[in-house]
Amino acid sequence: MTGFVKSYESRLPENFSGRLYFLMRLGILGCFVGHGAWGIVGKDGWLPFFEVFGIEEPVARMFMPWIGIMDITIGIVGYFYPSRFLLLYAFFWTFFTATLRPSANMGMSELYERAGNYGVPLAFLIMSGMLFPWRTWFKKINVQDMMDASRLPAFEMTLRISLVLLLAGHGGLAVFNHHAGIAKHMGFLGMDSSVLNMSVFGIFEIFLAVWVMLFPRTYGLLTFVLIFKLATELMHPIAGRPLDVFETIERFGDYVIPPALIIIYGYIASLKNAHQPIAI
């Protein structure tokens, strides 16, 4: 573990925790609103997930809008009134929906690529405190609940592993799945979506994931990752239909993790400059 506040420095600054608090809520809002919008629209891509449970198309289409409404509600409530119970639900729901993809024979890379969806609520839950009495699990989480410095290492590691997984997962879609969506985006940019080109793109993302895991504080790395993720995910509506913007919004967790890590590493650097005691 590199450069974290020692446990005896018990409280983090409120402005530091406040920025993380905002980013975590924003990630949940975007993820659930984007996912829920697909339910209301009735995305054809959801049908294989219902088939996993033997649910036929007419029944699946009846359930989709209700799932969409539920997701959007969770996203809005999670932004304005986050609670530990809601975060636990958000983690299990997003992880469950991600596991449906390999269950529907779409490959394990699909599970990893959505780590931003389930990694953000898990990290938020860790930072807000998971060992509180059950009666507090329905109370609103405030900024003050995220000021315990002893939780910062686990919070950072959860976010970093989530970022590694989503980068490696997206790269795996290109290398192992020759993913149709990535091929379409490359074609829109005038690039040949050959096996070689897809492999080069995927290996680059996997290399980027390894770099983030081993050297996350490399200057400019996380800024590049943020721009890279925004650019690749914005290709959904640019190269596809306007409705595909929901794909971009659904991955909001991917976009809040890099700035959250930048804030954390910036805080650690400020402690070093001030000669505060930190664990190396």
C-alpha atoms as a PDB file:
ATOM      1  CA  MET A   1       0.000   0.000   0.000  1.00  0.00           C
ATOM      2  CA  THR A   2       1.509   3.322  -1.033  1.00  0.00           C
ATOM      3  CA  GLY A   3       1.233   6.568   0.823  1.00  0.00           C
ATOM      4  CA  PHE A   4      -1.851   6.396   3.035  1.00  0.00           C
ATOM      5  CA  VAL A   5      -2.721   8.261   6.180  1.00  0.00           C
ATOM      6  CA  LYS A   6      -1.848   6.323   9.317  1.00  0.00           C
ATOM      7  CA  SER A   7      -4.774   5.047  11.343  1.00  0.00           C
ATOM      8  CA  TYR A   8      -4.125   7.464  14.207  1.00  0.00           C
ATOM      9  CA  GLU A   9      -5.006  10.380  11.899  1.00  0.00           C
ATOM     10  CA  SER A  10      -8.641   9.533  12.354  1.00  0.00           C
ATOM     11  CA  ARG A  11     -10.481  12.271  10.431  1.00  0.00           C
ATOM     12  CA  LEU A  12     -10.217  13.387   6.839  1.00  0.00           C
ATOM     13  CA  PRO A  13     -10.894  16.996   5.785  1.00  0.00           C
ATOM     14  CA  GLU A  14     -14.556  17.689   5.062  1.00  0.00           C
ATOM     15  CA  ASN A  15     -13.883  19.300   1.675  1.00  0.00           C
ATOM     16  CA  PHE A  16     -11.871  16.230   0.619  1.00  0.00           C
ATOM     17  CA  SER A  17     -14.590  13.801   1.722  1.00  0.00           C
ATOM     18  CA  GLY A  18     -17.264  16.052   0.203  1.00  0.00           C
ATOM     19  CA  ARG A  19     -15.804  15.748  -3.275  1.00  0.00           C
ATOM     20  CA  LEU A  20     -15.681  11.965  -3.007  1.00  0.00           C
ATOM     21  CA  TYR A  21     -19.223  11.946  -1.615  1.00  0.00           C
ATOM     22  CA  PHE A  22     -20.459  13.892  -4.639  1.00  0.00           C
ATOM     23  CA  LEU A  23     -18.650  11.686  -7.171  1.00  0.00           C
ATOM     24  CA  MET A  24     -19.945   8.432  -5.664  1.00  0.00           C
ATOM     25  CA  ARG A  25     -23.546   9.699  -5.695  1.00  0.00           C
ATOM     26  CA  LEU A  26     -23.130  10.948  -9.257  1.00  0.00           C
ATOM     27  CA  GLY A  27     -21.838   7.567 -10.385  1.00  0.00           C
ATOM     28  CA  ILE A  28     -24.843   5.755  -8.934  1.00  0.00           C
ATOM     29  CA  LEU A  29     -27.269   8.302 -10.411  1.00  0.00           C
ATOM     30  CA  GLY A  30     -25.866   7.972 -13.930  1.00  0.00           C
ATOM     31  CA  CYS A  31     -25.558   4.198 -13.826  1.00  0.00           C
ATOM     32  CA  PHE A  32     -29.107   3.527 -12.650  1.00  0.00           C
ATOM     33  CA  VAL A  33     -30.782   6.223 -14.733  1.00  0.00           C
ATOM     34  CA  GLY A  34     -28.999   5.054 -17.879  1.00  0.00           C
ATOM     35  CA  HIS A  35     -29.781   1.402 -17.205  1.00  0.00           C
ATOM     36  CA  GLY A  36     -33.353   2.194 -16.249  1.00  0.00           C
ATOM     37  CA  ALA A  37     -33.932   4.190 -19.416  1.00  0.00           C
ATOM     38  CA  TRP A  38     -33.151   1.065 -21.445  1.00  0.00           C
ATOM     39  CA  GLY A  39     -35.814  -0.779 -19.497  1.00  0.00           C
ATOM     40  CA  ILE A  40     -38.433   1.837 -20.327  1.00  0.00           C
ATOM     41  CA  VAL A  41     -37.388   1.842 -23.979  1.00  0.00           C
ATOM     42  CA  GLY A  42     -37.469  -1.974 -24.048  1.00  0.00           C
ATOM     43  CA  LYS A  43     -33.952  -2.807 -25.202  1.00  0.00           C
ATOM     44  CA  ASP A  44     -33.785  -5.915 -27.374  1.00  0.00           C
ATOM     45  CA  GLY A  45     -30.393  -6.696 -25.889  1.00  0.00           C
ATOM     46  CA  TRP A  46     -32.070  -7.481 -22.567  1.00  0.00           C
ATOM     47  CA  LEU A  47     -34.047 -10.419 -23.972  1.00  0.00           C
ATOM     48  CA  PRO A  48     -31.209 -12.995 -23.622  1.00  0.00           C
ATOM     49  CA  PHE A  49     -31.026 -12.192 -19.905  1.00  0.00           C
ATOM     50  CA  PHE A  50     -34.666 -13.121 -19.434  1.00  0.00           C
ATOM     51  CA  GLU A  51     -34.082 -16.271 -21.467  1.00  0.00           C
ATOM     52  CA  VAL A  52     -31.559 -17.381 -18.841  1.00  0.00           C
ATOM     53  CA  PHE A  53     -34.570 -17.850 -16.526  1.00  0.00           C
ATOM     54  CA  GLY A  54     -36.801 -19.285 -19.237  1.00  0.00           C
ATOM     55  CA  ILE A  55     -38.862 -16.087 -19.566  1.00  0.00           C
ATOM     56  CA  GLU A  56     -40.215 -15.595 -23.085  1.00  0.00           C
ATOM     57  CA  GLU A  57     -40.245 -12.301 -24.973  1.00  0.00           C
ATOM     58  CA  PRO A  58     -43.879 -11.157 -24.338  1.00  0.00           C
ATOM     59  CA  VAL A  59     -43.462 -11.534 -20.572  1.00  0.00           C
ATOM     60  CA  ALA A  60     -39.975 -10.002 -20.675  1.00  0.00           C
ATOM     61  CA  ARG A  61     -41.254  -6.907 -22.448  1.00  0.00           C
ATOM     62  CA  MET A  62     -43.967  -6.556 -19.832  1.00  0.00           C
ATOM     63  CA  PHE A  63     -41.351  -6.545 -17.053  1.00  0.00           C
ATOM     64  CA  MET A  64     -38.819  -4.238 -18.724  1.00  0.00           C
ATOM     65  CA  PRO A  65     -40.550  -0.884 -18.039  1.00  0.00           C
ATOM     66  CA  TRP A  66     -41.072  -1.787 -14.376  1.00  0.00           C
ATOM     67  CA  ILE A  67     -37.415  -2.696 -13.998  1.00  0.00           C
ATOM     68  CA  GLY A  68     -36.539   0.586 -15.699  1.00  0.00           C
ATOM     69  CA  ILE A  69     -38.735   2.621 -13.340  1.00  0.00           C
ATOM     70  CA  MET A  70     -37.239   0.817 -10.347  1.00  0.00           C
ATOM     71  CA  ASP A  71     -33.694   1.540 -11.547  1.00  0.00           C
ATOM     72  CA  ILE A  72     -34.345   5.223 -12.189  1.00  0.00           C
ATOM     73  CA  THR A  73     -35.944   5.547  -8.763  1.00  0.00           C
ATOM     74  CA  ILE A  74     -32.930   3.920  -7.110  1.00  0.00           C
ATOM     75  CA  GLY A  75     -30.592   6.246  -8.986  1.00  0.00           C
ATOM     76  CA  ILE A  76     -32.445   9.396  -7.914  1.00  0.00           C
ATOM     77  CA  VAL A  77     -32.878   8.267  -4.302  1.00  0.00           C
ATOM     78  CA  GLY A  78     -29.238   7.167  -4.231  1.00  0.00           C
ATOM     79  CA  TYR A  79     -28.145  10.664  -5.191  1.00  0.00           C
ATOM     80  CA  PHE A  80     -30.353  12.652  -2.803  1.00  0.00           C
ATOM     81  CA  TYR A  81     -30.714  10.171   0.059  1.00  0.00           C
ATOM     82  CA  PRO A  82     -27.968   7.537  -0.056  1.00  0.00           C
ATOM     83  CA  SER A  83     -28.195   4.930   2.681  1.00  0.00           C
ATOM     84  CA  ARG A  84     -26.142   1.864   3.464  1.00  0.00           C
ATOM     85  CA  PHE A  85     -29.067  -0.400   2.625  1.00  0.00           C
ATOM     86  CA  LEU A  86     -29.517   1.293  -0.758  1.00  0.00           C
ATOM     87  CA  LEU A  87     -25.798   0.947  -1.513  1.00  0.00           C
ATOM     88  CA  LEU A  88     -25.885  -2.725  -0.612  1.00  0.00           C
ATOM     89  CA  TYR A  89     -28.873  -3.216  -2.901  1.00  0.00           C
ATOM     90  CA  ALA A  90     -27.181  -1.196  -5.677  1.00  0.00           C
ATOM     91  CA  PHE A  91     -24.063  -3.343  -5.450  1.00  0.00           C
ATOM     92  CA  PHE A  92     -25.918  -6.661  -5.542  1.00  0.00           C
ATOM     93  CA  TRP A  93     -28.268  -5.557  -8.330  1.00  0.00           C
ATOM     94  CA  THR A  94     -25.514  -4.242 -10.593  1.00  0.00           C
ATOM     95  CA  PHE A  95     -23.320  -7.272  -9.925  1.00  0.00           C
ATOM     96  CA  PHE A  96     -26.254  -9.608 -10.571  1.00  0.00           C
ATOM     97  CA  THR A  97     -27.126  -7.944 -13.892  1.00  0.00           C
ATOM     98  CA  ALA A  98     -23.442  -8.046 -14.882  1.00  0.00           C
ATOM     99  CA  THR A  99     -23.243 -11.787 -14.146  1.00  0.00           C
ATOM    100  CA  LEU A 100     -26.209 -12.363 -16.449  1.00  0.00           C
ATOM    101  CA  ARG A 101     -23.987 -11.553 -19.422  1.00  0.00           C
ATOM    102  CA  PRO A 102     -21.646 -14.534 -19.135  1.00  0.00           C
ATOM    103  CA  SER A 103     -24.705 -16.593 -18.124  1.00  0.00           C
ATOM    104  CA  ALA A 104     -26.197 -15.625 -21.490  1.00  0.00           C
ATOM    105  CA  ASN A 105     -23.004 -16.816 -23.251  1.00  0.00           C
ATOM    106  CA  MET A 106     -21.637 -13.315 -23.839  1.00  0.00           C
ATOM    107  CA  GLY A 107     -18.256 -14.028 -22.243  1.00  0.00           C
ATOM    108  CA  MET A 108     -16.595 -13.143 -18.943  1.00  0.00           C
ATOM    109  CA  SER A 109     -15.217  -9.885 -20.333  1.00  0.00           C
ATOM    110  CA  GLU A 110     -18.760  -8.493 -20.190  1.00  0.00           C
ATOM    111  CA  LEU A 111     -18.784  -9.066 -16.430  1.00  0.00           C
ATOM    112  CA  TYR A 112     -15.450  -7.330 -15.894  1.00  0.00           C
ATOM    113  CA  GLU A 113     -16.247  -4.455 -18.258  1.00  0.00           C
ATOM    114  CA  ARG A 114     -19.128  -3.409 -15.997  1.00  0.00           C
ATOM    115  CA  ALA A 115     -16.991  -3.145 -12.865  1.00  0.00           C
ATOM    116  CA  GLY A 116     -17.693   0.582 -12.780  1.00  0.00           C
ATOM    117  CA  ASN A 117     -21.369  -0.217 -12.176  1.00  0.00           C
ATOM    118  CA  TYR A 118     -20.864  -2.413  -9.130  1.00  0.00           C
ATOM    119  CA  GLY A 119     -17.500  -1.071  -7.940  1.00  0.00           C
ATOM    120  CA  VAL A 120     -18.808   2.422  -7.155  1.00  0.00           C
ATOM    121  CA  PRO A 121     -21.623   1.409  -4.766  1.00  0.00           C
ATOM    122  CA  LEU A 122     -19.295  -1.110  -3.085  1.00  0.00           C
ATOM    123  CA  ALA A 123     -16.584   1.530  -2.595  1.00  0.00           C
ATOM    124  CA  PHE A 124     -19.173   4.043  -1.365  1.00  0.00           C
ATOM    125  CA  LEU A 125     -20.455   1.480   1.142  1.00  0.00           C
ATOM    126  CA  ILE A 126     -16.932   0.706   2.366  1.00  0.00           C
ATOM    127  CA  MET A 127     -16.094   4.388   2.822  1.00  0.00           C
ATOM    128  CA  SER A 128     -19.346   5.145   4.658  1.00  0.00           C
ATOM    129  CA  GLY A 129     -18.825   2.247   7.096  1.00  0.00           C
ATOM    130  CA  MET A 130     -20.167  -1.297   6.759  1.00  0.00           C
ATOM    131  CA  LEU A 131     -20.030  -2.250  10.451  1.00  0.00           C
ATOM    132  CA  PHE A 132     -22.655   0.162  11.746  1.00  0.00           C
ATOM    133  CA  PRO A 133     -25.691  -1.212  13.629  1.00  0.00           C
ATOM    134  CA  TRP A 134     -28.508  -2.332  11.332  1.00  0.00           C
ATOM    135  CA  ARG A 135     -30.832   0.412  12.579  1.00  0.00           C
ATOM    136  CA  THR A 136     -28.537   2.970  10.911  1.00  0.00           C
ATOM    137  CA  TRP A 137     -28.565   1.235   7.528  1.00  0.00           C
ATOM    138  CA  PHE A 138     -31.673   3.120   6.414  1.00  0.00           C
ATOM    139  CA  LYS A 139     -30.438   6.533   7.553  1.00  0.00           C
ATOM    140  CA  LYS A 140     -28.977   8.996   5.098  1.00  0.00           C
ATOM    141  CA  ILE A 141     -25.210   8.863   4.622  1.00  0.00           C
ATOM    142  CA  ASN A 142     -23.676  12.312   5.044  1.00  0.00           C
ATOM    143  CA  VAL A 143     -20.255  13.704   4.242  1.00  0.00           C
ATOM    144  CA  GLN A 144     -19.257  13.265   7.885  1.00  0.00           C
ATOM    145  CA  ASP A 145     -19.779   9.509   7.526  1.00  0.00           C
ATOM    146  CA  MET A 146     -16.990   9.441   4.925  1.00  0.00           C
ATOM    147  CA  MET A 147     -14.339  11.197   7.022  1.00  0.00           C
ATOM    148  CA  ASP A 148     -12.864   8.138   8.752  1.00  0.00           C
ATOM    149  CA  ALA A 149      -9.282   7.934   7.470  1.00  0.00           C
ATOM    150  CA  SER A 150      -8.930   4.251   8.354  1.00  0.00           C
ATOM    151  CA  ARG A 151     -11.345   3.354   5.538  1.00  0.00           C
ATOM    152  CA  LEU A 152      -9.434   5.247   2.854  1.00  0.00           C
ATOM    153  CA  PRO A 153      -7.030   2.432   1.833  1.00  0.00           C
ATOM    154  CA  ALA A 154      -9.870  -0.056   1.224  1.00  0.00           C
ATOM    155  CA  PHE A 155     -11.860   2.631  -0.595  1.00  0.00           C
ATOM    156  CA  GLU A 156      -8.935   3.453  -2.876  1.00  0.00           C
ATOM    157  CA  MET A 157      -8.165  -0.201  -3.582  1.00  0.00           C
ATOM    158  CA  THR A 158     -11.794  -0.964  -4.430  1.00  0.00           C
ATOM    159  CA  LEU A 159     -11.913   1.924  -6.881  1.00  0.00           C
ATOM    160  CA  ARG A 160      -8.560   1.028  -8.413  1.00  0.00           C
ATOM    161  CA  ILE A 161      -9.447  -2.657  -8.894  1.00  0.00           C
ATOM    162  CA  SER A 162     -12.782  -1.606 -10.416  1.00  0.00           C
ATOM    163  CA  LEU A 163     -10.960   0.634 -12.885  1.00  0.00           C
ATOM    164  CA  VAL A 164      -8.511  -2.160 -13.730  1.00  0.00           C
ATOM    165  CA  LEU A 165     -11.354  -4.621 -14.328  1.00  0.00           C
ATOM    166  CA  LEU A 166     -13.404  -2.310 -16.533  1.00  0.00           C
ATOM    167  CA  LEU A 167     -10.401  -1.432 -18.685  1.00  0.00           C
ATOM    168  CA  ALA A 168      -9.244  -5.039 -18.986  1.00  0.00           C
ATOM    169  CA  GLY A 169     -12.827  -6.185 -19.587  1.00  0.00           C
ATOM    170  CA  HIS A 170     -13.347  -3.727 -22.431  1.00  0.00           C
ATOM    171  CA  GLY A 171     -10.010  -4.776 -23.897  1.00  0.00           C
ATOM    172  CA  GLY A 172     -11.037  -8.408 -23.551  1.00  0.00           C
ATOM    173  CA  LEU A 173     -14.192  -7.731 -25.564  1.00  0.00           C
ATOM    174  CA  ALA A 174     -11.971  -6.698 -28.462  1.00  0.00           C
ATOM    175  CA  VAL A 175      -9.339  -9.438 -28.097  1.00  0.00           C
ATOM    176  CA  PHE A 176     -11.497 -12.442 -27.226  1.00  0.00           C
ATOM    177  CA  ASN A 177     -15.007 -11.554 -28.414  1.00  0.00           C
ATOM    178  CA  HIS A 178     -14.359  -9.398 -31.492  1.00  0.00           C
ATOM    179  CA  HIS A 179     -17.217  -7.354 -30.064  1.00  0.00           C
ATOM    180  CA  ALA A 180     -19.673  -6.050 -32.665  1.00  0.00           C
ATOM    181  CA  GLY A 181     -20.055  -2.698 -30.924  1.00  0.00           C
ATOM    182  CA  ILE A 182     -16.324  -2.022 -30.892  1.00  0.00           C
ATOM    183  CA  ALA A 183     -16.075  -3.117 -34.511  1.00  0.00           C
ATOM    184  CA  LYS A 184     -18.848  -0.664 -35.434  1.00  0.00           C
ATOM    185  CA  HIS A 185     -17.080   2.168 -33.647  1.00  0.00           C
ATOM    186  CA  MET A 186     -13.809   1.391 -35.427  1.00  0.00           C
ATOM    187  CA  GLY A 187     -15.614   1.286 -38.756  1.00  0.00           C
ATOM    188  CA  PHE A 188     -17.189   4.687 -38.066  1.00  0.00           C
ATOM    189  CA  LEU A 189     -13.683   6.075 -37.521  1.00  0.00           C
ATOM    190  CA  GLY A 190     -12.564   4.595 -40.844  1.00  0.00           C
ATOM    191  CA  MET A 191     -10.530   1.821 -39.258  1.00  0.00           C
ATOM    192  CA  ASP A 192     -10.547  -1.772 -40.395  1.00  0.00           C
ATOM    193  CA  SER A 193     -11.996  -3.967 -37.650  1.00  0.00           C
ATOM    194  CA  SER A 194      -9.720  -6.868 -38.532  1.00  0.00           C
ATOM    195  CA  VAL A 195      -8.690  -9.394 -35.917  1.00  0.00           C
ATOM    196  CA  LEU A 196      -5.255  -7.748 -35.806  1.00  0.00           C
ATOM    197  CA  ASN A 197      -6.602  -4.224 -35.252  1.00  0.00           C
ATOM    198  CA  MET A 198      -9.110  -5.402 -32.660  1.00  0.00           C
ATOM    199  CA  SER A 199      -6.365  -7.301 -30.859  1.00  0.00           C
ATOM    200  CA  VAL A 200      -4.039  -4.287 -30.857  1.00  0.00           C
ATOM    201  CA  PHE A 201      -6.789  -2.083 -29.429  1.00  0.00           C
ATOM    202  CA  GLY A 202      -7.730  -4.663 -26.807  1.00  0.00           C
ATOM    203  CA  ILE A 203      -4.146  -5.364 -25.767  1.00  0.00           C
ATOM    204  CA  PHE A 204      -3.576  -1.624 -25.376  1.00  0.00           C
ATOM    205  CA  GLU A 205      -6.512  -1.419 -22.947  1.00  0.00           C
ATOM    206  CA  ILE A 206      -5.314  -4.465 -21.037  1.00  0.00           C
ATOM    207  CA  PHE A 207      -1.838  -2.915 -20.811  1.00  0.00           C
ATOM    208  CA  LEU A 208      -3.471   0.302 -19.575  1.00  0.00           C
ATOM    209  CA  ALA A 209      -5.278  -1.706 -16.896  1.00  0.00           C
ATOM    210  CA  VAL A 210      -2.000  -3.266 -15.706  1.00  0.00           C
ATOM    211  CA  TRP A 211      -0.376   0.162 -15.606  1.00  0.00           C
ATOM    212  CA  VAL A 212      -3.232   1.546 -13.490  1.00  0.00           C
ATOM    213  CA  MET A 213      -2.920  -1.396 -11.105  1.00  0.00           C
ATOM    214  CA  LEU A 214       0.833  -1.117 -10.619  1.00  0.00           C
ATOM    215  CA  PHE A 215       1.556   2.594 -11.073  1.00  0.00           C
ATOM    216  CA  PRO A 216      -1.728   4.475 -10.540  1.00  0.00           C
ATOM    217  CA  ARG A 217      -0.030   7.746  -9.623  1.00  0.00           C
ATOM    218  CA  THR A 218       1.898   8.058 -12.884  1.00  0.00           C
ATOM    219  CA  TYR A 219       1.584  11.702 -13.910  1.00  0.00           C
ATOM    220  CA  GLY A 220      -1.348  12.236 -16.286  1.00  0.00           C
ATOM    221  CA  LEU A 221      -2.329   8.549 -16.352  1.00  0.00           C
ATOM    222  CA  LEU A 222      -5.737   8.861 -14.707  1.00  0.00           C
ATOM    223  CA  THR A 223      -6.560  12.003 -16.693  1.00  0.00           C
ATOM    224  CA  PHE A 224      -5.781  10.085 -19.873  1.00  0.00           C
ATOM    225  CA  VAL A 225      -7.919   7.143 -18.704  1.00  0.00           C
ATOM    226  CA  LEU A 226     -10.850   9.479 -18.016  1.00  0.00           C
ATOM    227  CA  ILE A 227     -10.595  11.100 -21.471  1.00  0.00           C
ATOM    228  CA  PHE A 228     -10.130   7.710 -23.097  1.00  0.00           C
ATOM    229  CA  LYS A 229     -13.218   6.252 -21.399  1.00  0.00           C
ATOM    230  CA  LEU A 230     -15.362   9.274 -22.238  1.00  0.00           C
ATOM    231  CA  ALA A 231     -14.232   9.154 -25.865  1.00  0.00           C
ATOM    232  CA  THR A 232     -14.845   5.427 -26.321  1.00  0.00           C
ATOM    233  CA  GLU A 233     -18.231   5.451 -24.582  1.00  0.00           C
ATOM    234  CA  LEU A 234     -19.421   8.551 -26.445  1.00  0.00           C
ATOM    235  CA  MET A 235     -18.971   6.518 -29.609  1.00  0.00           C
ATOM    236  CA  HIS A 236     -22.234   4.713 -28.774  1.00  0.00           C
ATOM    237  CA  PRO A 237     -24.540   7.595 -29.799  1.00  0.00           C
ATOM    238  CA  ILE A 238     -22.077   9.071 -32.304  1.00  0.00           C
ATOM    239  CA  ALA A 239     -21.653   5.860 -34.298  1.00  0.00           C
ATOM    240  CA  GLY A 240     -25.104   4.484 -33.545  1.00  0.00           C
ATOM    241  CA  ARG A 241     -28.560   5.795 -32.698  1.00  0.00           C
ATOM    242  CA  PRO A 242     -29.321   8.815 -30.473  1.00  0.00           C
ATOM    243  CA  LEU A 243     -30.917   6.411 -27.981  1.00  0.00           C
ATOM    244  CA  ASP A 244     -27.530   4.752 -27.546  1.00  0.00           C
ATOM    245  CA  VAL A 245     -26.595   7.694 -25.347  1.00  0.00           C
ATOM    246  CA  PHE A 246     -28.119   5.595 -22.548  1.00  0.00           C
ATOM    247  CA  GLU A 247     -25.144   3.240 -22.980  1.00  0.00           C
ATOM    248  CA  THR A 248     -22.871   6.211 -22.321  1.00  0.00           C
ATOM    249  CA  ILE A 249     -24.872   7.372 -19.301  1.00  0.00           C
ATOM    250  CA  GLU A 250     -25.108   3.864 -17.861  1.00  0.00           C
ATOM    251  CA  ARG A 251     -21.318   3.778 -17.531  1.00  0.00           C
ATOM    252  CA  PHE A 252     -21.126   6.895 -15.370  1.00  0.00           C
ATOM    253  CA  GLY A 253     -19.309   4.856 -12.736  1.00  0.00           C
ATOM    254  CA  ASP A 254     -16.427   4.531 -15.196  1.00  0.00           C
ATOM    255  CA  TYR A 255     -16.094   8.312 -15.350  1.00  0.00           C
ATOM    256  CA  VAL A 256     -16.182   9.089 -11.620  1.00  0.00           C
ATOM    257  CA  ILE A 257     -13.508   6.572 -10.596  1.00  0.00           C
ATOM    258  CA  PRO A 258     -10.490   8.309 -12.240  1.00  0.00           C
ATOM    259  CA  PRO A 259     -11.245  11.759 -10.722  1.00  0.00           C
ATOM    260  CA  ALA A 260     -11.936  10.129  -7.325  1.00  0.00           C
ATOM    261  CA  LEU A 261      -8.503   8.487  -7.452  1.00  0.00           C
ATOM    262  CA  ILE A 262      -6.914  11.763  -8.585  1.00  0.00           C
ATOM    263  CA  ILE A 263      -8.439  13.479  -5.541  1.00  0.00           C
ATOM    264  CA  ILE A 264      -7.157  10.742  -3.214  1.00  0.00           C
ATOM    265  CA  TYR A 265      -3.618  10.803  -4.604  1.00  0.00           C
ATOM    266  CA  GLY A 266      -3.595  14.597  -4.570  1.00  0.00           C
ATOM    267  CA  TYR A 267      -4.528  14.579  -0.893  1.00  0.00           C
ATOM    268  CA  ILE A 268      -1.743  12.099  -0.103  1.00  0.00           C
ATOM    269  CA  ALA A 269       0.742  14.250  -2.023  1.00  0.00           C
ATOM    270  CA  SER A 270      -0.331  17.315  -0.025  1.00  0.00           C
ATOM    271  CA  LEU A 271       0.363  15.435   3.208  1.00  0.00           C
ATOM    272  CA  LYS A 272       3.812  14.510   1.961  1.00  0.00           C
ATOM    273  CA  ASN A 273       4.547  18.125   1.080  1.00  0.00           C
ATOM    274  CA  ALA A 274       3.383  19.199   4.534  1.00  0.00           C
ATOM    275  CA  HIS A 275       5.589  16.476   6.101  1.00  0.00           C
ATOM    276  CA  GLN A 276       2.605  14.791   7.724  1.00  0.00           C
ATOM    277  CA  PRO A 277       3.073  11.189   8.943  1.00  0.00           C
ATOM    278  CA  ILE A 278       1.943   8.722   6.295  1.00  0.00           C
ATOM    279  CA  ALA A 279       2.410   5.025   5.723  1.00  0.00           C
ATOM    280  CA  ILE A 280       4.522   4.154   2.684  1.00  0.00           C
END
